Amino acid sequence: MDDDSFPALQPDLLPDLDPAQLFPGHSTPPPRFLLLYGSLREVSYSRALALECQRLLTRFGAETRIYDPKGLPQPDGDEASHPKVTELRDAAEWCDGFVWVSPERHGAMTGIMKSQIDWIPLSMGGVRPTQGKTLAVLQVSGGSQSFNTVNQLRILGRWMRLVTIPNQSSVPMAWDKFQDGRMKPGPLYNRVVDVMEELVKFTHLTRDNRAYLLDRYSERVESHAALSKRVNTPSAQSACC
């Protein structure tokens, strides 16, 4: 993607990311990100911001998917075999990290945003599809700047054992920050660039070490107890004696 696709960028100040600086002599495949946005409106600023994030992630060498929430049933309102639920869960398993972009409505994230997150299970066949993956949180507001929604998204990310990066973005008066579907140049756009750059870096740092980073004492104790119980049952003892 050439620099002409980024009219708000100063390309000479944004060099290509170099994962070799994080892991000298070690090459890794492109990180993969799933982007969720929280609106069904025809003119959706959360979708427009998600698209800006997608462009930046692609420029940083990542693979991306944007999930369209239109047609997704309410949690528990349909079976998990529903095509939109299956699409969402498959994408959650596929990705190395997430980007969550929600409007703020009544001081909170939208129901559409929460429904998407609620459909992503904490466990699927003994595998946690979110644990240890990275997350960036962003919000758009129609009025003055607020951080209610990004704070709520952080709580959800922690609950789902995601590595939520330190940086975040809150775009106030979003109706004035976009023109012809693109975000205007300025400090708020620069912050979005910062967030996506940081997300890719954190993902490179943690992705290949995920199993080791998530190896927990409590789970090792639980696994040892389960093994001990199994081998010390009467049937197991009679079989080996």
C-alpha atoms as a PDB file:
ATOM      1  CA  MET A   1       0.000   0.000   0.000  1.00  0.00           C
ATOM      2  CA  ASP A   2       1.623   3.280  -1.083  1.00  0.00           C
ATOM      3  CA  ASP A   3       1.800   6.520   0.869  1.00  0.00           C
ATOM      4  CA  ASP A   4      -0.857   8.090  -1.344  1.00  0.00           C
ATOM      5  CA  SER A   5      -3.362   5.969   0.587  1.00  0.00           C
ATOM      6  CA  PHE A   6      -2.517   7.920   3.765  1.00  0.00           C
ATOM      7  CA  PRO A   7      -3.190  11.613   3.128  1.00  0.00           C
ATOM      8  CA  ALA A   8      -2.993  12.409   6.849  1.00  0.00           C
ATOM      9  CA  LEU A   9       0.437  10.812   7.337  1.00  0.00           C
ATOM     10  CA  GLN A  10       3.915  12.296   7.149  1.00  0.00           C
ATOM     11  CA  PRO A  11       5.459   9.171   5.606  1.00  0.00           C
ATOM     12  CA  ASP A  12       9.075  10.131   6.287  1.00  0.00           C
ATOM     13  CA  LEU A  13       8.267  10.107  10.026  1.00  0.00           C
ATOM     14  CA  LEU A  14       6.701   6.645   9.962  1.00  0.00           C
ATOM     15  CA  PRO A  15       9.268   4.069   8.818  1.00  0.00           C
ATOM     16  CA  ASP A  16       8.307   0.460   8.235  1.00  0.00           C
ATOM     17  CA  LEU A  17       8.297  -1.625  11.402  1.00  0.00           C
ATOM     18  CA  ASP A  18      11.337  -3.837  11.833  1.00  0.00           C
ATOM     19  CA  PRO A  19      10.555  -6.919  13.981  1.00  0.00           C
ATOM     20  CA  ALA A  20      14.254  -7.842  13.781  1.00  0.00           C
ATOM     21  CA  GLN A  21      14.913  -5.063  16.296  1.00  0.00           C
ATOM     22  CA  LEU A  22      12.717  -6.941  18.765  1.00  0.00           C
ATOM     23  CA  PHE A  23      14.153 -10.377  17.960  1.00  0.00           C
ATOM     24  CA  PRO A  24      17.532 -10.059  16.185  1.00  0.00           C
ATOM     25  CA  GLY A  25      17.981 -12.823  13.650  1.00  0.00           C
ATOM     26  CA  HIS A  26      14.450 -14.115  14.151  1.00  0.00           C
ATOM     27  CA  SER A  27      11.799 -13.725  11.448  1.00  0.00           C
ATOM     28  CA  THR A  28       8.113 -14.245  12.150  1.00  0.00           C
ATOM     29  CA  PRO A  29       5.038 -14.375   9.902  1.00  0.00           C
ATOM     30  CA  PRO A  30       2.799 -11.297   9.711  1.00  0.00           C
ATOM     31  CA  PRO A  31       0.615 -10.825  12.801  1.00  0.00           C
ATOM     32  CA  ARG A  32      -3.115 -11.255  12.269  1.00  0.00           C
ATOM     33  CA  PHE A  33      -5.759  -8.927  13.692  1.00  0.00           C
ATOM     34  CA  LEU A  34      -9.537  -9.050  13.992  1.00  0.00           C
ATOM     35  CA  LEU A  35     -11.231  -5.640  14.079  1.00  0.00           C
ATOM     36  CA  LEU A  36     -14.675  -5.183  15.671  1.00  0.00           C
ATOM     37  CA  TYR A  37     -16.785  -2.024  15.562  1.00  0.00           C
ATOM     38  CA  GLY A  38     -20.001  -1.247  17.402  1.00  0.00           C
ATOM     39  CA  SER A  39     -22.517   0.327  15.049  1.00  0.00           C
ATOM     40  CA  LEU A  40     -25.022  -0.677  12.368  1.00  0.00           C
ATOM     41  CA  ARG A  41     -25.575   2.838  11.028  1.00  0.00           C
ATOM     42  CA  GLU A  42     -25.114   3.499   7.329  1.00  0.00           C
ATOM     43  CA  VAL A  43     -22.769   6.358   8.234  1.00  0.00           C
ATOM     44  CA  SER A  44     -20.772   4.806  11.061  1.00  0.00           C
ATOM     45  CA  TYR A  45     -17.783   6.621  12.527  1.00  0.00           C
ATOM     46  CA  SER A  46     -16.726   3.566  14.519  1.00  0.00           C
ATOM     47  CA  ARG A  47     -16.595   1.625  11.240  1.00  0.00           C
ATOM     48  CA  ALA A  48     -14.707   4.493   9.587  1.00  0.00           C
ATOM     49  CA  LEU A  49     -12.188   4.462  12.431  1.00  0.00           C
ATOM     50  CA  ALA A  50     -11.873   0.667  12.227  1.00  0.00           C
ATOM     51  CA  LEU A  51     -11.101   1.030   8.516  1.00  0.00           C
ATOM     52  CA  GLU A  52      -8.393   3.583   9.307  1.00  0.00           C
ATOM     53  CA  CYS A  53      -6.932   1.112  11.796  1.00  0.00           C
ATOM     54  CA  GLN A  54      -7.061  -1.628   9.168  1.00  0.00           C
ATOM     55  CA  ARG A  55      -5.164   0.518   6.665  1.00  0.00           C
ATOM     56  CA  LEU A  56      -2.469   1.270   9.215  1.00  0.00           C
ATOM     57  CA  LEU A  57      -2.129  -2.347  10.325  1.00  0.00           C
ATOM     58  CA  THR A  58      -1.751  -3.387   6.695  1.00  0.00           C
ATOM     59  CA  ARG A  59       0.937  -0.745   6.240  1.00  0.00           C
ATOM     60  CA  PHE A  60       2.729  -2.212   9.263  1.00  0.00           C
ATOM     61  CA  GLY A  61       2.779  -5.606   7.545  1.00  0.00           C
ATOM     62  CA  ALA A  62      -0.151  -7.270   9.316  1.00  0.00           C
ATOM     63  CA  GLU A  63      -3.033  -9.363   8.012  1.00  0.00           C
ATOM     64  CA  THR A  64      -6.503  -8.139   8.975  1.00  0.00           C
ATOM     65  CA  ARG A  65     -10.168  -9.016   9.013  1.00  0.00           C
ATOM     66  CA  ILE A  66     -13.041  -6.650   9.843  1.00  0.00           C
ATOM     67  CA  TYR A  67     -16.163  -8.324  11.193  1.00  0.00           C
ATOM     68  CA  ASP A  68     -19.518  -6.917  10.073  1.00  0.00           C
ATOM     69  CA  PRO A  69     -21.944  -7.254  13.031  1.00  0.00           C
ATOM     70  CA  LYS A  70     -25.054  -6.871  10.870  1.00  0.00           C
ATOM     71  CA  GLY A  71     -27.223  -9.971  11.339  1.00  0.00           C
ATOM     72  CA  LEU A  72     -25.509 -11.169  14.514  1.00  0.00           C
ATOM     73  CA  PRO A  73     -28.170 -12.419  16.967  1.00  0.00           C
ATOM     74  CA  GLN A  74     -28.254 -11.358  20.584  1.00  0.00           C
ATOM     75  CA  PRO A  75     -26.221 -13.587  22.915  1.00  0.00           C
ATOM     76  CA  ASP A  76     -28.304 -16.636  23.915  1.00  0.00           C
ATOM     77  CA  GLY A  77     -30.941 -15.514  21.397  1.00  0.00           C
ATOM     78  CA  ASP A  78     -29.860 -18.168  18.918  1.00  0.00           C
ATOM     79  CA  GLU A  79     -27.625 -21.210  18.696  1.00  0.00           C
ATOM     80  CA  ALA A  80     -23.854 -20.940  18.521  1.00  0.00           C
ATOM     81  CA  SER A  81     -24.119 -22.650  15.139  1.00  0.00           C
ATOM     82  CA  HIS A  82     -25.659 -19.473  13.661  1.00  0.00           C
ATOM     83  CA  PRO A  83     -23.527 -18.479  10.621  1.00  0.00           C
ATOM     84  CA  LYS A  84     -22.683 -15.017  12.000  1.00  0.00           C
ATOM     85  CA  VAL A  85     -21.613 -16.510  15.338  1.00  0.00           C
ATOM     86  CA  THR A  86     -19.504 -19.142  13.603  1.00  0.00           C
ATOM     87  CA  GLU A  87     -17.862 -16.459  11.456  1.00  0.00           C
ATOM     88  CA  LEU A  88     -17.028 -14.377  14.537  1.00  0.00           C
ATOM     89  CA  ARG A  89     -15.636 -17.294  16.547  1.00  0.00           C
ATOM     90  CA  ASP A  90     -13.561 -18.592  13.644  1.00  0.00           C
ATOM     91  CA  ALA A  91     -12.036 -15.138  13.214  1.00  0.00           C
ATOM     92  CA  ALA A  92     -11.338 -14.898  16.964  1.00  0.00           C
ATOM     93  CA  GLU A  93      -9.413 -18.173  16.781  1.00  0.00           C
ATOM     94  CA  TRP A  94      -7.596 -17.084  13.606  1.00  0.00           C
ATOM     95  CA  CYS A  95      -6.218 -13.805  14.916  1.00  0.00           C
ATOM     96  CA  ASP A  96      -3.211 -12.952  17.067  1.00  0.00           C
ATOM     97  CA  GLY A  97      -4.795  -9.766  18.373  1.00  0.00           C
ATOM     98  CA  PHE A  98      -7.919  -7.610  18.398  1.00  0.00           C
ATOM     99  CA  VAL A  99      -8.930  -4.020  17.726  1.00  0.00           C
ATOM    100  CA  TRP A 100     -12.187  -2.973  19.426  1.00  0.00           C
ATOM    101  CA  VAL A 101     -13.777   0.297  18.284  1.00  0.00           C
ATOM    102  CA  SER A 102     -17.060   1.382  19.855  1.00  0.00           C
ATOM    103  CA  PRO A 103     -19.199   4.490  19.856  1.00  0.00           C
ATOM    104  CA  GLU A 104     -20.092   5.842  23.279  1.00  0.00           C
ATOM    105  CA  ARG A 105     -23.846   5.826  23.863  1.00  0.00           C
ATOM    106  CA  HIS A 106     -25.418   6.860  27.167  1.00  0.00           C
ATOM    107  CA  GLY A 107     -21.936   6.923  28.662  1.00  0.00           C
ATOM    108  CA  ALA A 108     -21.109   3.336  27.710  1.00  0.00           C
ATOM    109  CA  MET A 109     -20.227   1.057  24.827  1.00  0.00           C
ATOM    110  CA  THR A 110     -23.062   0.132  22.486  1.00  0.00           C
ATOM    111  CA  GLY A 111     -25.103  -3.046  22.800  1.00  0.00           C
ATOM    112  CA  ILE A 112     -23.843  -4.123  19.367  1.00  0.00           C
ATOM    113  CA  MET A 113     -20.265  -3.952  20.645  1.00  0.00           C
ATOM    114  CA  LYS A 114     -21.022  -5.885  23.823  1.00  0.00           C
ATOM    115  CA  SER A 115     -22.952  -8.558  21.906  1.00  0.00           C
ATOM    116  CA  GLN A 116     -19.956  -9.291  19.700  1.00  0.00           C
ATOM    117  CA  ILE A 117     -17.661  -9.623  22.704  1.00  0.00           C
ATOM    118  CA  ASP A 118     -20.187 -11.786  24.578  1.00  0.00           C
ATOM    119  CA  TRP A 119     -20.377 -14.229  21.672  1.00  0.00           C
ATOM    120  CA  ILE A 120     -16.621 -14.852  21.924  1.00  0.00           C
ATOM    121  CA  PRO A 121     -16.405 -17.645  24.526  1.00  0.00           C
ATOM    122  CA  LEU A 122     -13.822 -17.845  27.271  1.00  0.00           C
ATOM    123  CA  SER A 123     -13.268 -21.485  26.357  1.00  0.00           C
ATOM    124  CA  MET A 124     -13.813 -23.576  23.239  1.00  0.00           C
ATOM    125  CA  GLY A 125     -13.117 -27.268  23.684  1.00  0.00           C
ATOM    126  CA  GLY A 126     -10.587 -26.556  26.417  1.00  0.00           C
ATOM    127  CA  VAL A 127      -8.901 -23.827  24.350  1.00  0.00           C
ATOM    128  CA  ARG A 128      -9.223 -20.164  25.345  1.00  0.00           C
ATOM    129  CA  PRO A 129      -9.465 -18.279  22.037  1.00  0.00           C
ATOM    130  CA  THR A 130      -8.552 -14.909  23.574  1.00  0.00           C
ATOM    131  CA  GLN A 131      -6.020 -15.721  26.290  1.00  0.00           C
ATOM    132  CA  GLY A 132      -2.653 -14.077  25.735  1.00  0.00           C
ATOM    133  CA  LYS A 133      -3.640 -12.324  22.519  1.00  0.00           C
ATOM    134  CA  THR A 134      -3.229  -8.568  22.238  1.00  0.00           C
ATOM    135  CA  LEU A 135      -5.935  -5.911  22.258  1.00  0.00           C
ATOM    136  CA  ALA A 136      -6.184  -2.223  21.345  1.00  0.00           C
ATOM    137  CA  VAL A 137      -9.253  -0.233  22.412  1.00  0.00           C
ATOM    138  CA  LEU A 138     -10.677   2.879  20.735  1.00  0.00           C
ATOM    139  CA  GLN A 139     -13.889   4.873  20.930  1.00  0.00           C
ATOM    140  CA  VAL A 140     -15.733   7.616  19.072  1.00  0.00           C
ATOM    141  CA  SER A 141     -18.089  10.152  20.617  1.00  0.00           C
ATOM    142  CA  GLY A 142     -20.586  12.609  19.202  1.00  0.00           C
ATOM    143  CA  GLY A 143     -19.768  15.205  21.851  1.00  0.00           C
ATOM    144  CA  SER A 144     -16.870  16.067  24.114  1.00  0.00           C
ATOM    145  CA  GLN A 145     -14.031  13.668  24.758  1.00  0.00           C
ATOM    146  CA  SER A 146     -14.760  10.799  27.114  1.00  0.00           C
ATOM    147  CA  PHE A 147     -12.952   7.664  28.232  1.00  0.00           C
ATOM    148  CA  ASN A 148     -15.889   5.700  29.643  1.00  0.00           C
ATOM    149  CA  THR A 149     -16.038   3.261  26.759  1.00  0.00           C
ATOM    150  CA  VAL A 150     -12.324   2.534  26.432  1.00  0.00           C
ATOM    151  CA  ASN A 151     -12.201   1.963  30.195  1.00  0.00           C
ATOM    152  CA  GLN A 152     -15.066  -0.518  29.949  1.00  0.00           C
ATOM    153  CA  LEU A 153     -13.403  -2.274  27.026  1.00  0.00           C
ATOM    154  CA  ARG A 154     -10.227  -2.589  29.084  1.00  0.00           C
ATOM    155  CA  ILE A 155     -12.161  -4.334  31.850  1.00  0.00           C
ATOM    156  CA  LEU A 156     -13.581  -6.807  29.342  1.00  0.00           C
ATOM    157  CA  GLY A 157     -10.151  -7.365  27.828  1.00  0.00           C
ATOM    158  CA  ARG A 158      -8.683  -8.153  31.237  1.00  0.00           C
ATOM    159  CA  TRP A 159     -11.556 -10.521  32.003  1.00  0.00           C
ATOM    160  CA  MET A 160     -10.884 -12.364  28.744  1.00  0.00           C
ATOM    161  CA  ARG A 161      -7.153 -12.563  29.578  1.00  0.00           C
ATOM    162  CA  LEU A 162      -6.126 -10.365  26.687  1.00  0.00           C
ATOM    163  CA  VAL A 163      -2.901  -8.346  26.749  1.00  0.00           C
ATOM    164  CA  THR A 164      -4.394  -4.869  26.416  1.00  0.00           C
ATOM    165  CA  ILE A 165      -1.736  -2.416  25.261  1.00  0.00           C
ATOM    166  CA  PRO A 166      -1.120   0.768  27.316  1.00  0.00           C
ATOM    167  CA  ASN A 167      -2.097   3.224  24.573  1.00  0.00           C
ATOM    168  CA  GLN A 168      -5.670   3.955  23.484  1.00  0.00           C
ATOM    169  CA  SER A 169      -7.660   6.416  21.404  1.00  0.00           C
ATOM    170  CA  SER A 170     -10.789   8.460  22.108  1.00  0.00           C
ATOM    171  CA  VAL A 171     -12.115  10.567  19.235  1.00  0.00           C
ATOM    172  CA  PRO A 172     -14.586  13.311  20.313  1.00  0.00           C
ATOM    173  CA  MET A 173     -17.011  15.062  17.941  1.00  0.00           C
ATOM    174  CA  ALA A 174     -16.353  12.303  15.426  1.00  0.00           C
ATOM    175  CA  TRP A 175     -18.699  13.920  12.901  1.00  0.00           C
ATOM    176  CA  ASP A 176     -16.089  16.677  12.531  1.00  0.00           C
ATOM    177  CA  LYS A 177     -13.013  14.414  12.399  1.00  0.00           C
ATOM    178  CA  PHE A 178     -13.797  12.565   9.165  1.00  0.00           C
ATOM    179  CA  GLN A 179     -14.177  13.776   5.599  1.00  0.00           C
ATOM    180  CA  ASP A 180     -15.251  11.558   2.696  1.00  0.00           C
ATOM    181  CA  GLY A 181     -14.856   8.522   4.924  1.00  0.00           C
ATOM    182  CA  ARG A 182     -11.248   9.327   5.926  1.00  0.00           C
ATOM    183  CA  MET A 183      -9.971  10.696   9.206  1.00  0.00           C
ATOM    184  CA  LYS A 184      -8.597  14.218   8.971  1.00  0.00           C
ATOM    185  CA  PRO A 185      -4.936  14.972   9.789  1.00  0.00           C
ATOM    186  CA  GLY A 186      -4.206  16.170  13.296  1.00  0.00           C
ATOM    187  CA  PRO A 187      -3.292  15.078  16.826  1.00  0.00           C
ATOM    188  CA  LEU A 188      -6.217  12.659  17.125  1.00  0.00           C
ATOM    189  CA  TYR A 189      -5.230  10.871  13.935  1.00  0.00           C
ATOM    190  CA  ASN A 190      -1.634  10.772  15.116  1.00  0.00           C
ATOM    191  CA  ARG A 191      -2.784   9.028  18.299  1.00  0.00           C
ATOM    192  CA  VAL A 192      -4.550   6.371  16.237  1.00  0.00           C
ATOM    193  CA  VAL A 193      -1.292   5.769  14.357  1.00  0.00           C
ATOM    194  CA  ASP A 194       0.502   5.463  17.713  1.00  0.00           C
ATOM    195  CA  VAL A 195      -2.003   2.889  18.953  1.00  0.00           C
ATOM    196  CA  MET A 196      -1.753   0.686  15.877  1.00  0.00           C
ATOM    197  CA  GLU A 197       2.048   0.902  15.811  1.00  0.00           C
ATOM    198  CA  GLU A 198       2.190  -0.088  19.472  1.00  0.00           C
ATOM    199  CA  LEU A 199      -0.282  -2.925  18.951  1.00  0.00           C
ATOM    200  CA  VAL A 200       1.850  -4.496  16.224  1.00  0.00           C
ATOM    201  CA  LYS A 201       5.009  -4.176  18.320  1.00  0.00           C
ATOM    202  CA  PHE A 202       3.411  -5.744  21.407  1.00  0.00           C
ATOM    203  CA  THR A 203       2.024  -8.549  19.273  1.00  0.00           C
ATOM    204  CA  HIS A 204       5.443  -9.347  17.845  1.00  0.00           C
ATOM    205  CA  LEU A 205       6.856  -9.336  21.385  1.00  0.00           C
ATOM    206  CA  THR A 206       4.293 -11.669  22.925  1.00  0.00           C
ATOM    207  CA  ARG A 207       2.870 -13.892  20.180  1.00  0.00           C
ATOM    208  CA  ASP A 208       5.610 -16.496  19.907  1.00  0.00           C
ATOM    209  CA  ASN A 209       6.091 -16.565  23.689  1.00  0.00           C
ATOM    210  CA  ARG A 210       2.396 -16.920  24.516  1.00  0.00           C
ATOM    211  CA  ALA A 211       2.572 -20.494  25.835  1.00  0.00           C
ATOM    212  CA  TYR A 212       5.435 -19.673  28.196  1.00  0.00           C
ATOM    213  CA  LEU A 213       3.965 -16.364  29.354  1.00  0.00           C
ATOM    214  CA  LEU A 214       0.667 -18.079  30.211  1.00  0.00           C
ATOM    215  CA  ASP A 215       2.146 -21.101  31.972  1.00  0.00           C
ATOM    216  CA  ARG A 216       0.623 -20.684  35.457  1.00  0.00           C
ATOM    217  CA  TYR A 217       1.517 -22.310  38.760  1.00  0.00           C
ATOM    218  CA  SER A 218      -2.151 -22.709  39.772  1.00  0.00           C
ATOM    219  CA  GLU A 219      -2.949 -24.581  36.574  1.00  0.00           C
ATOM    220  CA  ARG A 220       0.089 -26.818  36.995  1.00  0.00           C
ATOM    221  CA  VAL A 221      -1.102 -27.648  40.511  1.00  0.00           C
ATOM    222  CA  GLU A 222      -4.598 -28.398  39.217  1.00  0.00           C
ATOM    223  CA  SER A 223      -3.240 -30.604  36.433  1.00  0.00           C
ATOM    224  CA  HIS A 224      -1.033 -32.500  38.904  1.00  0.00           C
ATOM    225  CA  ALA A 225      -3.994 -33.041  41.241  1.00  0.00           C
ATOM    226  CA  ALA A 226      -6.139 -34.366  38.380  1.00  0.00           C
ATOM    227  CA  LEU A 227      -3.389 -36.745  37.311  1.00  0.00           C
ATOM    228  CA  SER A 228      -2.840 -37.939  40.870  1.00  0.00           C
ATOM    229  CA  LYS A 229      -6.550 -38.588  41.339  1.00  0.00           C
ATOM    230  CA  ARG A 230      -6.738 -40.548  38.098  1.00  0.00           C
ATOM    231  CA  VAL A 231      -3.757 -42.836  38.775  1.00  0.00           C
ATOM    232  CA  ASN A 232      -4.780 -43.436  42.394  1.00  0.00           C
ATOM    233  CA  THR A 233      -8.334 -44.573  41.771  1.00  0.00           C
ATOM    234  CA  PRO A 234      -9.110 -48.180  42.826  1.00  0.00           C
ATOM    235  CA  SER A 235      -9.577 -49.251  39.198  1.00  0.00           C
ATOM    236  CA  ALA A 236      -6.205 -47.821  38.221  1.00  0.00           C
ATOM    237  CA  GLN A 237      -4.492 -49.488  41.175  1.00  0.00           C
ATOM    238  CA  SER A 238      -6.018 -52.880  40.449  1.00  0.00           C
ATOM    239  CA  ALA A 239      -4.967 -52.635  36.832  1.00  0.00           C
ATOM    240  CA  CYS A 240      -1.321 -52.114  37.687  1.00  0.00           C
ATOM    241  CA  CYS A 241      -0.954 -54.460  40.685  1.00  0.00           C
END
